[in-house]
Amino acid sequence: NQEYHNRALLIEIGSDLNTLAQAKYAAQLFSDILIRVLAEDMQ
């Protein structure tokens, strides 16, 4: 999808082997780290 916007990022979490709860947990962990990285980048 980078042809739509050069700063776009597609994140896929989980697979057909994961439960919805596992995917949600992984998304929460990822978002916690992403927030930290973006906050550091803005300083």
PDB file of N, CA and C in Angstrom:
ATOM      1  N   ASN A   1       0.802  -1.203   0.000  1.00  0.00           N
ATOM      2  CA  ASN A   1       0.000   0.000   0.000  1.00  0.00           C
ATOM      3  C   ASN A   1       0.841   1.262   0.000  1.00  0.00           C
ATOM      4  N   GLN A   2       2.141   1.135  -0.159  1.00  0.00           N
ATOM      5  CA  GLN A   2       2.994   2.320  -0.136  1.00  0.00           C
ATOM      6  C   GLN A   2       2.800   3.191  -1.360  1.00  0.00           C
ATOM      7  N   GLU A   3       2.155   2.677  -2.385  1.00  0.00           N
ATOM      8  CA  GLU A   3       1.872   3.521  -3.540  1.00  0.00           C
ATOM      9  C   GLU A   3       0.811   4.569  -3.209  1.00  0.00           C
ATOM     10  N   TYR A   4       0.081   4.361  -2.121  1.00  0.00           N
ATOM     11  CA  TYR A   4      -0.948   5.324  -1.727  1.00  0.00           C
ATOM     12  C   TYR A   4      -0.368   6.473  -0.915  1.00  0.00           C
ATOM     13  N   HIS A   5       0.606   6.174  -0.098  1.00  0.00           N
ATOM     14  CA  HIS A   5       1.236   7.209   0.720  1.00  0.00           C
ATOM     15  C   HIS A   5       2.620   6.709   1.111  1.00  0.00           C
ATOM     16  N   ASN A   6       3.632   7.539   0.927  1.00  0.00           N
ATOM     17  CA  ASN A   6       5.001   7.076   1.170  1.00  0.00           C
ATOM     18  C   ASN A   6       5.313   6.871   2.649  1.00  0.00           C
ATOM     19  N   ARG A   7       4.429   7.289   3.544  1.00  0.00           N
ATOM     20  CA  ARG A   7       4.649   7.081   4.971  1.00  0.00           C
ATOM     21  C   ARG A   7       3.630   6.109   5.560  1.00  0.00           C
ATOM     22  N   ALA A   8       2.967   5.354   4.702  1.00  0.00           N
ATOM     23  CA  ALA A   8       1.975   4.380   5.163  1.00  0.00           C
ATOM     24  C   ALA A   8       2.677   3.128   5.686  1.00  0.00           C
ATOM     25  N   LEU A   9       2.037   2.497   6.632  1.00  0.00           N
ATOM     26  CA  LEU A   9       2.578   1.276   7.208  1.00  0.00           C
ATOM     27  C   LEU A   9       1.428   0.304   7.450  1.00  0.00           C
ATOM     28  N   LEU A  10       1.514  -0.850   6.850  1.00  0.00           N
ATOM     29  CA  LEU A  10       0.505  -1.889   7.041  1.00  0.00           C
ATOM     30  C   LEU A  10       1.030  -2.867   8.082  1.00  0.00           C
ATOM     31  N   ILE A  11       0.269  -3.062   9.127  1.00  0.00           N
ATOM     32  CA  ILE A  11       0.666  -3.972  10.197  1.00  0.00           C
ATOM     33  C   ILE A  11      -0.373  -5.084  10.274  1.00  0.00           C
ATOM     34  N   GLU A  12       0.083  -6.300  10.126  1.00  0.00           N
ATOM     35  CA  GLU A  12      -0.805  -7.453  10.235  1.00  0.00           C
ATOM     36  C   GLU A  12      -0.432  -8.221  11.494  1.00  0.00           C
ATOM     37  N   ILE A  13      -1.427  -8.523  12.299  1.00  0.00           N
ATOM     38  CA  ILE A  13      -1.187  -9.182  13.579  1.00  0.00           C
ATOM     39  C   ILE A  13      -2.006 -10.458  13.636  1.00  0.00           C
ATOM     40  N   GLY A  14      -1.343 -11.539  14.012  1.00  0.00           N
ATOM     41  CA  GLY A  14      -2.031 -12.813  14.150  1.00  0.00           C
ATOM     42  C   GLY A  14      -2.152 -13.548  12.825  1.00  0.00           C
ATOM     43  N   SER A  15      -2.718 -14.720  12.924  1.00  0.00           N
ATOM     44  CA  SER A  15      -2.950 -15.552  11.745  1.00  0.00           C
ATOM     45  C   SER A  15      -4.167 -16.427  12.017  1.00  0.00           C
ATOM     46  N   ASP A  16      -4.410 -17.330  11.111  1.00  0.00           N
ATOM     47  CA  ASP A  16      -5.545 -18.231  11.317  1.00  0.00           C
ATOM     48  C   ASP A  16      -5.282 -19.228  12.446  1.00  0.00           C
ATOM     49  N   LEU A  17      -4.046 -19.256  12.940  1.00  0.00           N
ATOM     50  CA  LEU A  17      -3.699 -20.161  14.034  1.00  0.00           C
ATOM     51  C   LEU A  17      -3.809 -19.496  15.403  1.00  0.00           C
ATOM     52  N   ASN A  18      -4.042 -18.182  15.433  1.00  0.00           N
ATOM     53  CA  ASN A  18      -4.173 -17.450  16.689  1.00  0.00           C
ATOM     54  C   ASN A  18      -5.637 -17.237  17.037  1.00  0.00           C
ATOM     55  N   THR A  19      -5.887 -17.134  18.327  1.00  0.00           N
ATOM     56  CA  THR A  19      -7.223 -16.753  18.768  1.00  0.00           C
ATOM     57  C   THR A  19      -7.342 -15.235  18.672  1.00  0.00           C
ATOM     58  N   LEU A  20      -8.555 -14.752  18.727  1.00  0.00           N
ATOM     59  CA  LEU A  20      -8.772 -13.310  18.719  1.00  0.00           C
ATOM     60  C   LEU A  20      -8.121 -12.673  19.944  1.00  0.00           C
ATOM     61  N   ALA A  21      -8.205 -13.333  21.077  1.00  0.00           N
ATOM     62  CA  ALA A  21      -7.591 -12.808  22.301  1.00  0.00           C
ATOM     63  C   ALA A  21      -6.078 -12.678  22.142  1.00  0.00           C
ATOM     64  N   GLN A  22      -5.442 -13.651  21.514  1.00  0.00           N
ATOM     65  CA  GLN A  22      -4.002 -13.585  21.283  1.00  0.00           C
ATOM     66  C   GLN A  22      -3.647 -12.427  20.360  1.00  0.00           C
ATOM     67  N   ALA A  23      -4.416 -12.240  19.318  1.00  0.00           N
ATOM     68  CA  ALA A  23      -4.159 -11.148  18.380  1.00  0.00           C
ATOM     69  C   ALA A  23      -4.350  -9.798  19.056  1.00  0.00           C
ATOM     70  N   LYS A  24      -5.377  -9.672  19.874  1.00  0.00           N
ATOM     71  CA  LYS A  24      -5.604  -8.412  20.590  1.00  0.00           C
ATOM     72  C   LYS A  24      -4.468  -8.132  21.568  1.00  0.00           C
ATOM     73  N   TYR A  25      -3.990  -9.155  22.236  1.00  0.00           N
ATOM     74  CA  TYR A  25      -2.879  -8.996  23.171  1.00  0.00           C
ATOM     75  C   TYR A  25      -1.617  -8.559  22.424  1.00  0.00           C
ATOM     76  N   ALA A  26      -1.337  -9.184  21.306  1.00  0.00           N
ATOM     77  CA  ALA A  26      -0.176  -8.811  20.500  1.00  0.00           C
ATOM     78  C   ALA A  26      -0.298  -7.377  20.000  1.00  0.00           C
ATOM     79  N   ALA A  27      -1.486  -6.973  19.598  1.00  0.00           N
ATOM     80  CA  ALA A  27      -1.705  -5.601  19.138  1.00  0.00           C
ATOM     81  C   ALA A  27      -1.465  -4.607  20.262  1.00  0.00           C
ATOM     82  N   GLN A  28      -1.884  -4.943  21.469  1.00  0.00           N
ATOM     83  CA  GLN A  28      -1.659  -4.062  22.621  1.00  0.00           C
ATOM     84  C   GLN A  28      -0.167  -3.918  22.902  1.00  0.00           C
ATOM     85  N   LEU A  29       0.560  -5.028  22.884  1.00  0.00           N
ATOM     86  CA  LEU A  29       2.006  -4.972  23.103  1.00  0.00           C
ATOM     87  C   LEU A  29       2.687  -4.125  22.036  1.00  0.00           C
ATOM     88  N   PHE A  30       2.302  -4.339  20.792  1.00  0.00           N
ATOM     89  CA  PHE A  30       2.888  -3.571  19.696  1.00  0.00           C
ATOM     90  C   PHE A  30       2.583  -2.087  19.842  1.00  0.00           C
ATOM     91  N   SER A  31       1.351  -1.759  20.177  1.00  0.00           N
ATOM     92  CA  SER A  31       0.981  -0.347  20.278  1.00  0.00           C
ATOM     93  C   SER A  31       1.714   0.344  21.420  1.00  0.00           C
ATOM     94  N   ASP A  32       1.956  -0.366  22.519  1.00  0.00           N
ATOM     95  CA  ASP A  32       2.716   0.221  23.626  1.00  0.00           C
ATOM     96  C   ASP A  32       4.118   0.625  23.173  1.00  0.00           C
ATOM     97  N   ILE A  33       4.771  -0.236  22.422  1.00  0.00           N
ATOM     98  CA  ILE A  33       6.118   0.059  21.926  1.00  0.00           C
ATOM     99  C   ILE A  33       6.079   1.150  20.865  1.00  0.00           C
ATOM    100  N   LEU A  34       5.111   1.089  19.970  1.00  0.00           N
ATOM    101  CA  LEU A  34       5.006   2.092  18.913  1.00  0.00           C
ATOM    102  C   LEU A  34       4.829   3.492  19.502  1.00  0.00           C
ATOM    103  N   ILE A  35       4.014   3.609  20.526  1.00  0.00           N
ATOM    104  CA  ILE A  35       3.813   4.905  21.179  1.00  0.00           C
ATOM    105  C   ILE A  35       5.130   5.429  21.736  1.00  0.00           C
ATOM    106  N   ARG A  36       5.912   4.564  22.371  1.00  0.00           N
ATOM    107  CA  ARG A  36       7.212   4.982  22.921  1.00  0.00           C
ATOM    108  C   ARG A  36       8.162   5.437  21.819  1.00  0.00           C
ATOM    109  N   VAL A  37       8.223   4.677  20.748  1.00  0.00           N
ATOM    110  CA  VAL A  37       9.126   5.014  19.643  1.00  0.00           C
ATOM    111  C   VAL A  37       8.731   6.344  19.010  1.00  0.00           C
ATOM    112  N   LEU A  38       7.455   6.539  18.765  1.00  0.00           N
ATOM    113  CA  LEU A  38       7.003   7.790  18.157  1.00  0.00           C
ATOM    114  C   LEU A  38       7.222   8.971  19.090  1.00  0.00           C
ATOM    115  N   ALA A  39       7.034   8.774  20.384  1.00  0.00           N
ATOM    116  CA  ALA A  39       7.258   9.851  21.351  1.00  0.00           C
ATOM    117  C   ALA A  39       8.731  10.249  21.380  1.00  0.00           C
ATOM    118  N   GLU A  40       9.634   9.269  21.319  1.00  0.00           N
ATOM    119  CA  GLU A  40      11.070   9.560  21.287  1.00  0.00           C
ATOM    120  C   GLU A  40      11.439  10.308  20.018  1.00  0.00           C
ATOM    121  N   ASP A  41      10.826   9.930  18.919  1.00  0.00           N
ATOM    122  CA  ASP A  41      11.127  10.545  17.630  1.00  0.00           C
ATOM    123  C   ASP A  41      10.698  12.009  17.595  1.00  0.00           C
ATOM    124  N   MET A  42       9.697  12.371  18.377  1.00  0.00           N
ATOM    125  CA  MET A  42       9.187  13.737  18.371  1.00  0.00           C
ATOM    126  C   MET A  42      10.026  14.665  19.249  1.00  0.00           C
ATOM    127  N   GLN A  43      10.906  14.107  20.068  1.00  0.00           N
ATOM    128  CA  GLN A  43      11.723  14.938  20.960  1.00  0.00           C
ATOM    129  C   GLN A  43      12.928  15.490  20.252  1.00  0.00           C
TER     130      GLN A  43
END
